[in-house]
ModelCIF file with pLDDT and N, C-alpha, C, O atoms, coordinates in Angstrom:
data_MODEL
#
_entry.id   MODEL 
#
_entity.id                         1 
_entity.type                       polymer 
_entity.pdbx_number_of_molecules   1 
#
_entity_poly.entity_id                      1 
_entity_poly.type                           'polypeptide(L)' 
_entity_poly.nstd_linkage                   no 
_entity_poly.nstd_monomer                   no 
_entity_poly.pdbx_seq_one_letter_code       EEWLTELVLSRLAGLGLVTLELGAVTPRPALGRFALRATPGLVGAAAE 
_entity_poly.pdbx_seq_one_letter_code_can   EEWLTELVLSRLAGLGLVTLELGAVTPRPALGRFALRATPGLVGAAAE 
_entity_poly.pdbx_strand_id                 A 
#
loop_
_entity_poly_seq.entity_id 
_entity_poly_seq.num 
_entity_poly_seq.mon_id 
_entity_poly_seq.hetero 
1 1  GLU n 
1 2  GLU n 
1 3  TRP n 
1 4  LEU n 
1 5  THR n 
1 6  GLU n 
1 7  LEU n 
1 8  VAL n 
1 9  LEU n 
1 10 SER n 
1 11 ARG n 
1 12 LEU n 
1 13 ALA n 
1 14 GLY n 
1 15 LEU n 
1 16 GLY n 
1 17 LEU n 
1 18 VAL n 
1 19 THR n 
1 20 LEU n 
1 21 GLU n 
1 22 LEU n 
1 23 GLY n 
1 24 ALA n 
1 25 VAL n 
1 26 THR n 
1 27 PRO n 
1 28 ARG n 
1 29 PRO n 
1 30 ALA n 
1 31 LEU n 
1 32 GLY n 
1 33 ARG n 
1 34 PHE n 
1 35 ALA n 
1 36 LEU n 
1 37 ARG n 
1 38 ALA n 
1 39 THR n 
1 40 PRO n 
1 41 GLY n 
1 42 LEU n 
1 43 VAL n 
1 44 GLY n 
1 45 ALA n 
1 46 ALA n 
1 47 ALA n 
1 48 GLU n 
#
_struct_asym.id          A 
_struct_asym.entity_id   1 
#
loop_
_ma_qa_metric.id 
_ma_qa_metric.mode 
_ma_qa_metric.name 
_ma_qa_metric.software_group_id 
_ma_qa_metric.type 
1 global pLDDT . pLDDT 
2 local  pLDDT . pLDDT 
#
_ma_qa_metric_global.metric_id      1 
_ma_qa_metric_global.metric_value   77.23 
_ma_qa_metric_global.model_id       1 
_ma_qa_metric_global.ordinal_id     1 
#
loop_
_ma_qa_metric_local.label_asym_id 
_ma_qa_metric_local.label_comp_id 
_ma_qa_metric_local.label_seq_id 
_ma_qa_metric_local.metric_id 
_ma_qa_metric_local.metric_value 
_ma_qa_metric_local.model_id 
_ma_qa_metric_local.ordinal_id 
A GLU 1  2 91.00 1 1  
A GLU 2  2 92.00 1 2  
A TRP 3  2 89.00 1 3  
A LEU 4  2 90.00 1 4  
A THR 5  2 92.00 1 5  
A GLU 6  2 90.00 1 6  
A LEU 7  2 88.00 1 7  
A VAL 8  2 91.00 1 8  
A LEU 9  2 92.00 1 9  
A SER 10 2 90.00 1 10 
A ARG 11 2 89.00 1 11 
A LEU 12 2 92.00 1 12 
A ALA 13 2 92.00 1 13 
A GLY 14 2 89.00 1 14 
A LEU 15 2 90.00 1 15 
A GLY 16 2 91.00 1 16 
A LEU 17 2 93.00 1 17 
A VAL 18 2 94.00 1 18 
A THR 19 2 93.00 1 19 
A LEU 20 2 92.00 1 20 
A GLU 21 2 88.00 1 21 
A LEU 22 2 84.00 1 22 
A GLY 23 2 86.00 1 23 
A ALA 24 2 93.00 1 24 
A VAL 25 2 95.00 1 25 
A THR 26 2 94.00 1 26 
A PRO 27 2 94.00 1 27 
A ARG 28 2 93.00 1 28 
A PRO 29 2 91.00 1 29 
A ALA 30 2 90.00 1 30 
A LEU 31 2 88.00 1 31 
A GLY 32 2 82.00 1 32 
A ARG 33 2 77.00 1 33 
A PHE 34 2 69.00 1 34 
A ALA 35 2 63.00 1 35 
A LEU 36 2 60.00 1 36 
A ARG 37 2 60.00 1 37 
A ALA 38 2 54.00 1 38 
A THR 39 2 51.00 1 39 
A PRO 40 2 48.00 1 40 
A GLY 41 2 45.00 1 41 
A LEU 42 2 41.00 1 42 
A VAL 43 2 40.00 1 43 
A GLY 44 2 39.00 1 44 
A ALA 45 2 40.00 1 45 
A ALA 46 2 40.00 1 46 
A ALA 47 2 41.00 1 47 
A GLU 48 2 41.00 1 48 
#
loop_
_atom_site.group_PDB 
_atom_site.id 
_atom_site.type_symbol 
_atom_site.label_atom_id 
_atom_site.label_alt_id 
_atom_site.label_comp_id 
_atom_site.label_asym_id 
_atom_site.label_entity_id 
_atom_site.label_seq_id 
_atom_site.pdbx_PDB_ins_code 
_atom_site.Cartn_x 
_atom_site.Cartn_y 
_atom_site.Cartn_z 
_atom_site.occupancy 
_atom_site.B_iso_or_equiv 
_atom_site.pdbx_formal_charge 
_atom_site.auth_seq_id 
_atom_site.auth_comp_id 
_atom_site.auth_asym_id 
_atom_site.auth_atom_id 
_atom_site.pdbx_PDB_model_num 
ATOM 1   N N  . GLU A 1 1  ? 54.523 35.349 148.322 1.00 91.00 ? 1  GLU A N  1 
ATOM 2   C CA . GLU A 1 1  ? 55.860 34.599 147.888 1.00 91.00 ? 1  GLU A CA 1 
ATOM 3   C C  . GLU A 1 1  ? 55.698 33.180 148.007 1.00 91.00 ? 1  GLU A C  1 
ATOM 4   O O  . GLU A 1 1  ? 56.399 32.450 147.307 1.00 91.00 ? 1  GLU A O  1 
ATOM 5   N N  . GLU A 1 2  ? 54.835 32.683 148.831 1.00 92.00 ? 2  GLU A N  1 
ATOM 6   C CA . GLU A 1 2  ? 54.926 31.258 149.074 1.00 92.00 ? 2  GLU A CA 1 
ATOM 7   C C  . GLU A 1 2  ? 54.176 30.463 147.851 1.00 92.00 ? 2  GLU A C  1 
ATOM 8   O O  . GLU A 1 2  ? 54.732 29.515 147.297 1.00 92.00 ? 2  GLU A O  1 
ATOM 9   N N  . TRP A 1 3  ? 53.015 30.870 147.513 1.00 89.00 ? 3  TRP A N  1 
ATOM 10  C CA . TRP A 1 3  ? 52.490 30.045 146.367 1.00 89.00 ? 3  TRP A CA 1 
ATOM 11  C C  . TRP A 1 3  ? 53.129 30.338 145.051 1.00 89.00 ? 3  TRP A C  1 
ATOM 12  O O  . TRP A 1 3  ? 53.142 29.490 144.158 1.00 89.00 ? 3  TRP A O  1 
ATOM 13  N N  . LEU A 1 4  ? 53.702 31.613 144.900 1.00 90.00 ? 4  LEU A N  1 
ATOM 14  C CA . LEU A 1 4  ? 54.485 31.987 143.596 1.00 90.00 ? 4  LEU A CA 1 
ATOM 15  C C  . LEU A 1 4  ? 55.720 31.057 143.591 1.00 90.00 ? 4  LEU A C  1 
ATOM 16  O O  . LEU A 1 4  ? 56.002 30.349 142.625 1.00 90.00 ? 4  LEU A O  1 
ATOM 17  N N  . THR A 1 5  ? 56.380 31.102 144.647 1.00 92.00 ? 5  THR A N  1 
ATOM 18  C CA . THR A 1 5  ? 57.671 30.104 144.723 1.00 92.00 ? 5  THR A CA 1 
ATOM 19  C C  . THR A 1 5  ? 57.366 28.631 144.481 1.00 92.00 ? 5  THR A C  1 
ATOM 20  O O  . THR A 1 5  ? 58.129 27.979 143.768 1.00 92.00 ? 5  THR A O  1 
ATOM 21  N N  . GLU A 1 6  ? 56.283 28.066 145.039 1.00 90.00 ? 6  GLU A N  1 
ATOM 22  C CA . GLU A 1 6  ? 55.907 26.674 144.763 1.00 90.00 ? 6  GLU A CA 1 
ATOM 23  C C  . GLU A 1 6  ? 55.588 26.574 143.221 1.00 90.00 ? 6  GLU A C  1 
ATOM 24  O O  . GLU A 1 6  ? 56.061 25.670 142.532 1.00 90.00 ? 6  GLU A O  1 
ATOM 25  N N  . LEU A 1 7  ? 54.879 27.412 142.792 1.00 88.00 ? 7  LEU A N  1 
ATOM 26  C CA . LEU A 1 7  ? 54.520 27.369 141.361 1.00 88.00 ? 7  LEU A CA 1 
ATOM 27  C C  . LEU A 1 7  ? 55.771 27.377 140.444 1.00 88.00 ? 7  LEU A C  1 
ATOM 28  O O  . LEU A 1 7  ? 55.802 26.621 139.473 1.00 88.00 ? 7  LEU A O  1 
ATOM 29  N N  . VAL A 1 8  ? 56.810 28.218 140.729 1.00 91.00 ? 8  VAL A N  1 
ATOM 30  C CA . VAL A 1 8  ? 57.994 28.408 139.929 1.00 91.00 ? 8  VAL A CA 1 
ATOM 31  C C  . VAL A 1 8  ? 58.778 27.058 140.109 1.00 91.00 ? 8  VAL A C  1 
ATOM 32  O O  . VAL A 1 8  ? 59.237 26.452 139.140 1.00 91.00 ? 8  VAL A O  1 
ATOM 33  N N  . LEU A 1 9  ? 58.905 26.622 141.415 1.00 92.00 ? 9  LEU A N  1 
ATOM 34  C CA . LEU A 1 9  ? 59.905 25.595 141.544 1.00 92.00 ? 9  LEU A CA 1 
ATOM 35  C C  . LEU A 1 9  ? 59.373 24.238 141.052 1.00 92.00 ? 9  LEU A C  1 
ATOM 36  O O  . LEU A 1 9  ? 60.127 23.296 140.812 1.00 92.00 ? 9  LEU A O  1 
ATOM 37  N N  . SER A 1 10 ? 58.093 24.187 140.921 1.00 90.00 ? 10 SER A N  1 
ATOM 38  C CA . SER A 1 10 ? 57.448 23.110 140.521 1.00 90.00 ? 10 SER A CA 1 
ATOM 39  C C  . SER A 1 10 ? 57.704 22.961 138.878 1.00 90.00 ? 10 SER A C  1 
ATOM 40  O O  . SER A 1 10 ? 57.994 21.898 138.330 1.00 90.00 ? 10 SER A O  1 
ATOM 41  N N  . ARG A 1 11 ? 57.556 24.088 138.286 1.00 89.00 ? 11 ARG A N  1 
ATOM 42  C CA . ARG A 1 11 ? 57.946 24.161 136.782 1.00 89.00 ? 11 ARG A CA 1 
ATOM 43  C C  . ARG A 1 11 ? 59.347 23.901 136.537 1.00 89.00 ? 11 ARG A C  1 
ATOM 44  O O  . ARG A 1 11 ? 59.637 23.191 135.574 1.00 89.00 ? 11 ARG A O  1 
ATOM 45  N N  . LEU A 1 12 ? 60.364 24.433 137.361 1.00 92.00 ? 12 LEU A N  1 
ATOM 46  C CA . LEU A 1 12 ? 61.706 24.046 137.151 1.00 92.00 ? 12 LEU A CA 1 
ATOM 47  C C  . LEU A 1 12 ? 62.068 22.782 137.466 1.00 92.00 ? 12 LEU A C  1 
ATOM 48  O O  . LEU A 1 12 ? 62.951 22.253 136.790 1.00 92.00 ? 12 LEU A O  1 
ATOM 49  N N  . ALA A 1 13 ? 61.538 22.163 138.401 1.00 92.00 ? 13 ALA A N  1 
ATOM 50  C CA . ALA A 1 13 ? 61.700 20.630 138.645 1.00 92.00 ? 13 ALA A CA 1 
ATOM 51  C C  . ALA A 1 13 ? 61.225 19.774 137.576 1.00 92.00 ? 13 ALA A C  1 
ATOM 52  O O  . ALA A 1 13 ? 61.849 18.754 137.283 1.00 92.00 ? 13 ALA A O  1 
ATOM 53  N N  . GLY A 1 14 ? 60.110 20.133 136.942 1.00 89.00 ? 14 GLY A N  1 
ATOM 54  C CA . GLY A 1 14 ? 59.530 19.434 135.849 1.00 89.00 ? 14 GLY A CA 1 
ATOM 55  C C  . GLY A 1 14 ? 60.494 19.548 134.608 1.00 89.00 ? 14 GLY A C  1 
ATOM 56  O O  . GLY A 1 14 ? 60.472 18.651 133.766 1.00 89.00 ? 14 GLY A O  1 
ATOM 57  N N  . LEU A 1 15 ? 61.221 20.476 134.489 1.00 90.00 ? 15 LEU A N  1 
ATOM 58  C CA . LEU A 1 15 ? 62.251 20.737 133.308 1.00 90.00 ? 15 LEU A CA 1 
ATOM 59  C C  . LEU A 1 15 ? 63.582 20.266 133.660 1.00 90.00 ? 15 LEU A C  1 
ATOM 60  O O  . LEU A 1 15 ? 64.537 20.473 132.912 1.00 90.00 ? 15 LEU A O  1 
ATOM 61  N N  . GLY A 1 16 ? 63.711 19.527 134.968 1.00 91.00 ? 16 GLY A N  1 
ATOM 62  C CA . GLY A 1 16 ? 65.002 18.892 135.216 1.00 91.00 ? 16 GLY A CA 1 
ATOM 63  C C  . GLY A 1 16 ? 66.013 19.901 135.728 1.00 91.00 ? 16 GLY A C  1 
ATOM 64  O O  . GLY A 1 16 ? 67.192 19.564 135.832 1.00 91.00 ? 16 GLY A O  1 
ATOM 65  N N  . LEU A 1 17 ? 65.605 21.138 136.056 1.00 93.00 ? 17 LEU A N  1 
ATOM 66  C CA . LEU A 1 17 ? 66.536 22.164 136.392 1.00 93.00 ? 17 LEU A CA 1 
ATOM 67  C C  . LEU A 1 17 ? 66.762 22.348 137.805 1.00 93.00 ? 17 LEU A C  1 
ATOM 68  O O  . LEU A 1 17 ? 67.750 22.985 138.170 1.00 93.00 ? 17 LEU A O  1 
ATOM 69  N N  . VAL A 1 18 ? 65.833 21.786 138.761 1.00 94.00 ? 18 VAL A N  1 
ATOM 70  C CA . VAL A 1 18 ? 66.245 21.733 140.100 1.00 94.00 ? 18 VAL A CA 1 
ATOM 71  C C  . VAL A 1 18 ? 65.605 20.488 140.637 1.00 94.00 ? 18 VAL A C  1 
ATOM 72  O O  . VAL A 1 18 ? 64.706 19.972 139.975 1.00 94.00 ? 18 VAL A O  1 
ATOM 73  N N  . THR A 1 19 ? 65.988 19.948 141.791 1.00 93.00 ? 19 THR A N  1 
ATOM 74  C CA . THR A 1 19 ? 65.274 18.782 142.542 1.00 93.00 ? 19 THR A CA 1 
ATOM 75  C C  . THR A 1 19 ? 64.823 19.350 143.721 1.00 93.00 ? 19 THR A C  1 
ATOM 76  O O  . THR A 1 19 ? 65.484 20.192 144.330 1.00 93.00 ? 19 THR A O  1 
ATOM 77  N N  . LEU A 1 20 ? 63.612 18.897 144.128 1.00 92.00 ? 20 LEU A N  1 
ATOM 78  C CA . LEU A 1 20 ? 62.909 19.229 145.456 1.00 92.00 ? 20 LEU A CA 1 
ATOM 79  C C  . LEU A 1 20 ? 62.757 18.097 146.262 1.00 92.00 ? 20 LEU A C  1 
ATOM 80  O O  . LEU A 1 20 ? 62.124 17.131 145.838 1.00 92.00 ? 20 LEU A O  1 
ATOM 81  N N  . GLU A 1 21 ? 63.316 18.102 147.491 1.00 88.00 ? 21 GLU A N  1 
ATOM 82  C CA . GLU A 1 21 ? 63.248 16.932 148.567 1.00 88.00 ? 21 GLU A CA 1 
ATOM 83  C C  . GLU A 1 21 ? 63.439 17.644 149.910 1.00 88.00 ? 21 GLU A C  1 
ATOM 84  O O  . GLU A 1 21 ? 64.170 18.621 150.074 1.00 88.00 ? 21 GLU A O  1 
ATOM 85  N N  . LEU A 1 22 ? 62.682 17.031 150.874 1.00 84.00 ? 22 LEU A N  1 
ATOM 86  C CA . LEU A 1 22 ? 62.942 17.356 152.273 1.00 84.00 ? 22 LEU A CA 1 
ATOM 87  C C  . LEU A 1 22 ? 63.003 18.750 152.559 1.00 84.00 ? 22 LEU A C  1 
ATOM 88  O O  . LEU A 1 22 ? 63.796 19.117 153.427 1.00 84.00 ? 22 LEU A O  1 
ATOM 89  N N  . GLY A 1 23 ? 62.227 19.663 151.915 1.00 86.00 ? 23 GLY A N  1 
ATOM 90  C CA . GLY A 1 23 ? 62.213 21.056 152.068 1.00 86.00 ? 23 GLY A CA 1 
ATOM 91  C C  . GLY A 1 23 ? 63.363 21.843 151.674 1.00 86.00 ? 23 GLY A C  1 
ATOM 92  O O  . GLY A 1 23 ? 63.634 22.912 152.220 1.00 86.00 ? 23 GLY A O  1 
ATOM 93  N N  . ALA A 1 24 ? 64.107 21.289 150.651 1.00 93.00 ? 24 ALA A N  1 
ATOM 94  C CA . ALA A 1 24 ? 65.322 21.728 150.192 1.00 93.00 ? 24 ALA A CA 1 
ATOM 95  C C  . ALA A 1 24 ? 65.090 21.815 148.578 1.00 93.00 ? 24 ALA A C  1 
ATOM 96  O O  . ALA A 1 24 ? 64.260 21.125 147.985 1.00 93.00 ? 24 ALA A O  1 
ATOM 97  N N  . VAL A 1 25 ? 65.950 22.766 147.960 1.00 95.00 ? 25 VAL A N  1 
ATOM 98  C CA . VAL A 1 25 ? 65.953 22.979 146.510 1.00 95.00 ? 25 VAL A CA 1 
ATOM 99  C C  . VAL A 1 25 ? 67.388 22.867 146.139 1.00 95.00 ? 25 VAL A C  1 
ATOM 100 O O  . VAL A 1 25 ? 68.245 23.593 146.643 1.00 95.00 ? 25 VAL A O  1 
ATOM 101 N N  . THR A 1 26 ? 67.654 21.912 145.215 1.00 94.00 ? 26 THR A N  1 
ATOM 102 C CA . THR A 1 26 ? 69.026 21.798 144.776 1.00 94.00 ? 26 THR A CA 1 
ATOM 103 C C  . THR A 1 26 ? 69.119 22.000 143.298 1.00 94.00 ? 26 THR A C  1 
ATOM 104 O O  . THR A 1 26 ? 68.595 21.213 142.509 1.00 94.00 ? 26 THR A O  1 
ATOM 105 N N  . PRO A 1 27 ? 69.816 23.106 142.911 1.00 94.00 ? 27 PRO A N  1 
ATOM 106 C CA . PRO A 1 27 ? 69.938 23.407 141.447 1.00 94.00 ? 27 PRO A CA 1 
ATOM 107 C C  . PRO A 1 27 ? 70.737 22.264 140.609 1.00 94.00 ? 27 PRO A C  1 
ATOM 108 O O  . PRO A 1 27 ? 71.691 21.663 141.104 1.00 94.00 ? 27 PRO A O  1 
ATOM 109 N N  . ARG A 1 28 ? 70.339 22.063 139.513 1.00 93.00 ? 28 ARG A N  1 
ATOM 110 C CA . ARG A 1 28 ? 70.873 21.068 138.667 1.00 93.00 ? 28 ARG A CA 1 
ATOM 111 C C  . ARG A 1 28 ? 71.684 21.641 137.548 1.00 93.00 ? 28 ARG A C  1 
ATOM 112 O O  . ARG A 1 28 ? 71.336 22.731 137.093 1.00 93.00 ? 28 ARG A O  1 
ATOM 113 N N  . PRO A 1 29 ? 72.886 20.932 136.982 1.00 91.00 ? 29 PRO A N  1 
ATOM 114 C CA . PRO A 1 29 ? 73.789 21.695 136.142 1.00 91.00 ? 29 PRO A CA 1 
ATOM 115 C C  . PRO A 1 29 ? 73.182 22.409 134.936 1.00 91.00 ? 29 PRO A C  1 
ATOM 116 O O  . PRO A 1 29 ? 73.644 23.479 134.538 1.00 91.00 ? 29 PRO A O  1 
ATOM 117 N N  . ALA A 1 30 ? 72.100 21.782 134.339 1.00 90.00 ? 30 ALA A N  1 
ATOM 118 C CA . ALA A 1 30 ? 71.324 22.323 133.165 1.00 90.00 ? 30 ALA A CA 1 
ATOM 119 C C  . ALA A 1 30 ? 70.829 23.911 133.485 1.00 90.00 ? 30 ALA A C  1 
ATOM 120 O O  . ALA A 1 30 ? 70.779 24.751 132.585 1.00 90.00 ? 30 ALA A O  1 
ATOM 121 N N  . LEU A 1 31 ? 70.513 24.172 134.725 1.00 88.00 ? 31 LEU A N  1 
ATOM 122 C CA . LEU A 1 31 ? 70.209 25.418 135.101 1.00 88.00 ? 31 LEU A CA 1 
ATOM 123 C C  . LEU A 1 31 ? 71.106 26.573 134.713 1.00 88.00 ? 31 LEU A C  1 
ATOM 124 O O  . LEU A 1 31 ? 70.714 27.728 134.548 1.00 88.00 ? 31 LEU A O  1 
ATOM 125 N N  . GLY A 1 32 ? 72.448 26.109 134.572 1.00 82.00 ? 32 GLY A N  1 
ATOM 126 C CA . GLY A 1 32 ? 73.458 27.065 134.199 1.00 82.00 ? 32 GLY A CA 1 
ATOM 127 C C  . GLY A 1 32 ? 73.349 27.530 132.776 1.00 82.00 ? 32 GLY A C  1 
ATOM 128 O O  . GLY A 1 32 ? 74.056 28.462 132.393 1.00 82.00 ? 32 GLY A O  1 
ATOM 129 N N  . ARG A 1 33 ? 72.598 27.000 132.064 1.00 77.00 ? 33 ARG A N  1 
ATOM 130 C CA . ARG A 1 33 ? 72.402 27.617 130.605 1.00 77.00 ? 33 ARG A CA 1 
ATOM 131 C C  . ARG A 1 33 ? 71.441 28.687 130.457 1.00 77.00 ? 33 ARG A C  1 
ATOM 132 O O  . ARG A 1 33 ? 71.233 29.121 129.324 1.00 77.00 ? 33 ARG A O  1 
ATOM 133 N N  . PHE A 1 34 ? 70.750 29.231 131.577 1.00 69.00 ? 34 PHE A N  1 
ATOM 134 C CA . PHE A 1 34 ? 69.784 30.244 131.487 1.00 69.00 ? 34 PHE A CA 1 
ATOM 135 C C  . PHE A 1 34 ? 70.362 31.365 132.194 1.00 69.00 ? 34 PHE A C  1 
ATOM 136 O O  . PHE A 1 34 ? 71.033 31.261 133.221 1.00 69.00 ? 34 PHE A O  1 
ATOM 137 N N  . ALA A 1 35 ? 70.032 32.585 131.520 1.00 63.00 ? 35 ALA A N  1 
ATOM 138 C CA . ALA A 1 35 ? 70.369 33.907 132.045 1.00 63.00 ? 35 ALA A CA 1 
ATOM 139 C C  . ALA A 1 35 ? 69.282 34.892 131.665 1.00 63.00 ? 35 ALA A C  1 
ATOM 140 O O  . ALA A 1 35 ? 68.518 34.724 130.715 1.00 63.00 ? 35 ALA A O  1 
ATOM 141 N N  . LEU A 1 36 ? 69.273 35.877 132.441 1.00 60.00 ? 36 LEU A N  1 
ATOM 142 C CA . LEU A 1 36 ? 68.255 37.004 132.288 1.00 60.00 ? 36 LEU A CA 1 
ATOM 143 C C  . LEU A 1 36 ? 68.703 38.114 131.241 1.00 60.00 ? 36 LEU A C  1 
ATOM 144 O O  . LEU A 1 36 ? 69.727 38.750 131.494 1.00 60.00 ? 36 LEU A O  1 
ATOM 145 N N  . ARG A 1 37 ? 68.127 38.329 130.304 1.00 60.00 ? 37 ARG A N  1 
ATOM 146 C CA . ARG A 1 37 ? 68.657 39.486 129.626 1.00 60.00 ? 37 ARG A CA 1 
ATOM 147 C C  . ARG A 1 37 ? 67.414 40.636 129.571 1.00 60.00 ? 37 ARG A C  1 
ATOM 148 O O  . ARG A 1 37 ? 66.229 40.388 129.348 1.00 60.00 ? 37 ARG A O  1 
ATOM 149 N N  . ALA A 1 38 ? 67.930 41.779 129.801 1.00 54.00 ? 38 ALA A N  1 
ATOM 150 C CA . ALA A 1 38 ? 66.910 42.870 129.862 1.00 54.00 ? 38 ALA A CA 1 
ATOM 151 C C  . ALA A 1 38 ? 66.398 43.226 128.494 1.00 54.00 ? 38 ALA A C  1 
ATOM 152 O O  . ALA A 1 38 ? 67.115 43.184 127.494 1.00 54.00 ? 38 ALA A O  1 
ATOM 153 N N  . THR A 1 39 ? 65.132 43.579 128.486 1.00 51.00 ? 39 THR A N  1 
ATOM 154 C CA . THR A 1 39 ? 64.544 44.040 127.199 1.00 51.00 ? 39 THR A CA 1 
ATOM 155 C C  . THR A 1 39 ? 63.673 45.393 127.479 1.00 51.00 ? 39 THR A C  1 
ATOM 156 O O  . THR A 1 39 ? 63.344 45.686 128.629 1.00 51.00 ? 39 THR A O  1 
ATOM 157 N N  . PRO A 1 40 ? 63.370 46.088 126.510 1.00 48.00 ? 40 PRO A N  1 
ATOM 158 C CA . PRO A 1 40 ? 62.781 47.475 126.899 1.00 48.00 ? 40 PRO A CA 1 
ATOM 159 C C  . PRO A 1 40 ? 61.538 47.322 127.818 1.00 48.00 ? 40 PRO A C  1 
ATOM 160 O O  . PRO A 1 40 ? 60.539 46.682 127.490 1.00 48.00 ? 40 PRO A O  1 
ATOM 161 N N  . GLY A 1 41 ? 61.690 47.953 128.969 1.00 45.00 ? 41 GLY A N  1 
ATOM 162 C CA . GLY A 1 41 ? 60.579 47.978 129.829 1.00 45.00 ? 41 GLY A CA 1 
ATOM 163 C C  . GLY A 1 41 ? 60.666 46.863 130.831 1.00 45.00 ? 41 GLY A C  1 
ATOM 164 O O  . GLY A 1 41 ? 59.777 46.759 131.677 1.00 45.00 ? 41 GLY A O  1 
ATOM 165 N N  . LEU A 1 42 ? 61.745 45.964 130.794 1.00 41.00 ? 42 LEU A N  1 
ATOM 166 C CA . LEU A 1 42 ? 62.136 44.875 131.767 1.00 41.00 ? 42 LEU A CA 1 
ATOM 167 C C  . LEU A 1 42 ? 61.068 43.769 131.681 1.00 41.00 ? 42 LEU A C  1 
ATOM 168 O O  . LEU A 1 42 ? 61.375 42.577 131.716 1.00 41.00 ? 42 LEU A O  1 
ATOM 169 N N  . VAL A 1 43 ? 59.710 44.242 131.558 1.00 40.00 ? 43 VAL A N  1 
ATOM 170 C CA . VAL A 1 43 ? 58.714 43.289 131.695 1.00 40.00 ? 43 VAL A CA 1 
ATOM 171 C C  . VAL A 1 43 ? 58.948 41.996 130.536 1.00 40.00 ? 43 VAL A C  1 
ATOM 172 O O  . VAL A 1 43 ? 58.564 40.841 130.721 1.00 40.00 ? 43 VAL A O  1 
ATOM 173 N N  . GLY A 1 44 ? 59.490 42.370 129.617 1.00 39.00 ? 44 GLY A N  1 
ATOM 174 C CA . GLY A 1 44 ? 59.665 41.391 128.495 1.00 39.00 ? 44 GLY A CA 1 
ATOM 175 C C  . GLY A 1 44 ? 60.921 40.559 128.635 1.00 39.00 ? 44 GLY A C  1 
ATOM 176 O O  . GLY A 1 44 ? 61.399 40.061 127.615 1.00 39.00 ? 44 GLY A O  1 
ATOM 177 N N  . ALA A 1 45 ? 61.489 40.368 129.795 1.00 40.00 ? 45 ALA A N  1 
ATOM 178 C CA . ALA A 1 45 ? 62.683 39.762 130.109 1.00 40.00 ? 45 ALA A CA 1 
ATOM 179 C C  . ALA A 1 45 ? 62.692 38.312 129.543 1.00 40.00 ? 45 ALA A C  1 
ATOM 180 O O  . ALA A 1 45 ? 61.662 37.656 129.695 1.00 40.00 ? 45 ALA A O  1 
ATOM 181 N N  . ALA A 1 46 ? 63.754 37.745 128.903 1.00 40.00 ? 46 ALA A N  1 
ATOM 182 C CA . ALA A 1 46 ? 63.648 36.501 128.527 1.00 40.00 ? 46 ALA A CA 1 
ATOM 183 C C  . ALA A 1 46 ? 64.915 35.711 128.887 1.00 40.00 ? 46 ALA A C  1 
ATOM 184 O O  . ALA A 1 46 ? 65.923 36.259 129.332 1.00 40.00 ? 46 ALA A O  1 
ATOM 185 N N  . ALA A 1 47 ? 64.799 34.330 128.659 1.00 41.00 ? 47 ALA A N  1 
ATOM 186 C CA . ALA A 1 47 ? 65.980 33.413 129.019 1.00 41.00 ? 47 ALA A CA 1 
ATOM 187 C C  . ALA A 1 47 ? 66.764 33.163 127.631 1.00 41.00 ? 47 ALA A C  1 
ATOM 188 O O  . ALA A 1 47 ? 66.273 33.172 126.501 1.00 41.00 ? 47 ALA A O  1 
ATOM 189 N N  . GLU A 1 48 ? 67.969 32.960 127.962 1.00 41.00 ? 48 GLU A N  1 
ATOM 190 C CA . GLU A 1 48 ? 69.058 32.538 126.694 1.00 41.00 ? 48 GLU A CA 1 
ATOM 191 C C  . GLU A 1 48 ? 69.920 31.679 127.264 1.00 41.00 ? 48 GLU A C  1 
ATOM 192 O O  . GLU A 1 48 ? 70.834 31.191 126.600 1.00 41.00 ? 48 GLU A O  1 
#
């Protein structure tokens, strides 16, 4: 969970969806445009 979380957060920060500083994660407003919708088998989940 440590390296996976770091990988995910670095991607979200690069897209301007979160900021990372002093051991904290701050969600930014544009993150509100994403939601998870289920697809058959769940593995193919996508953002919209």
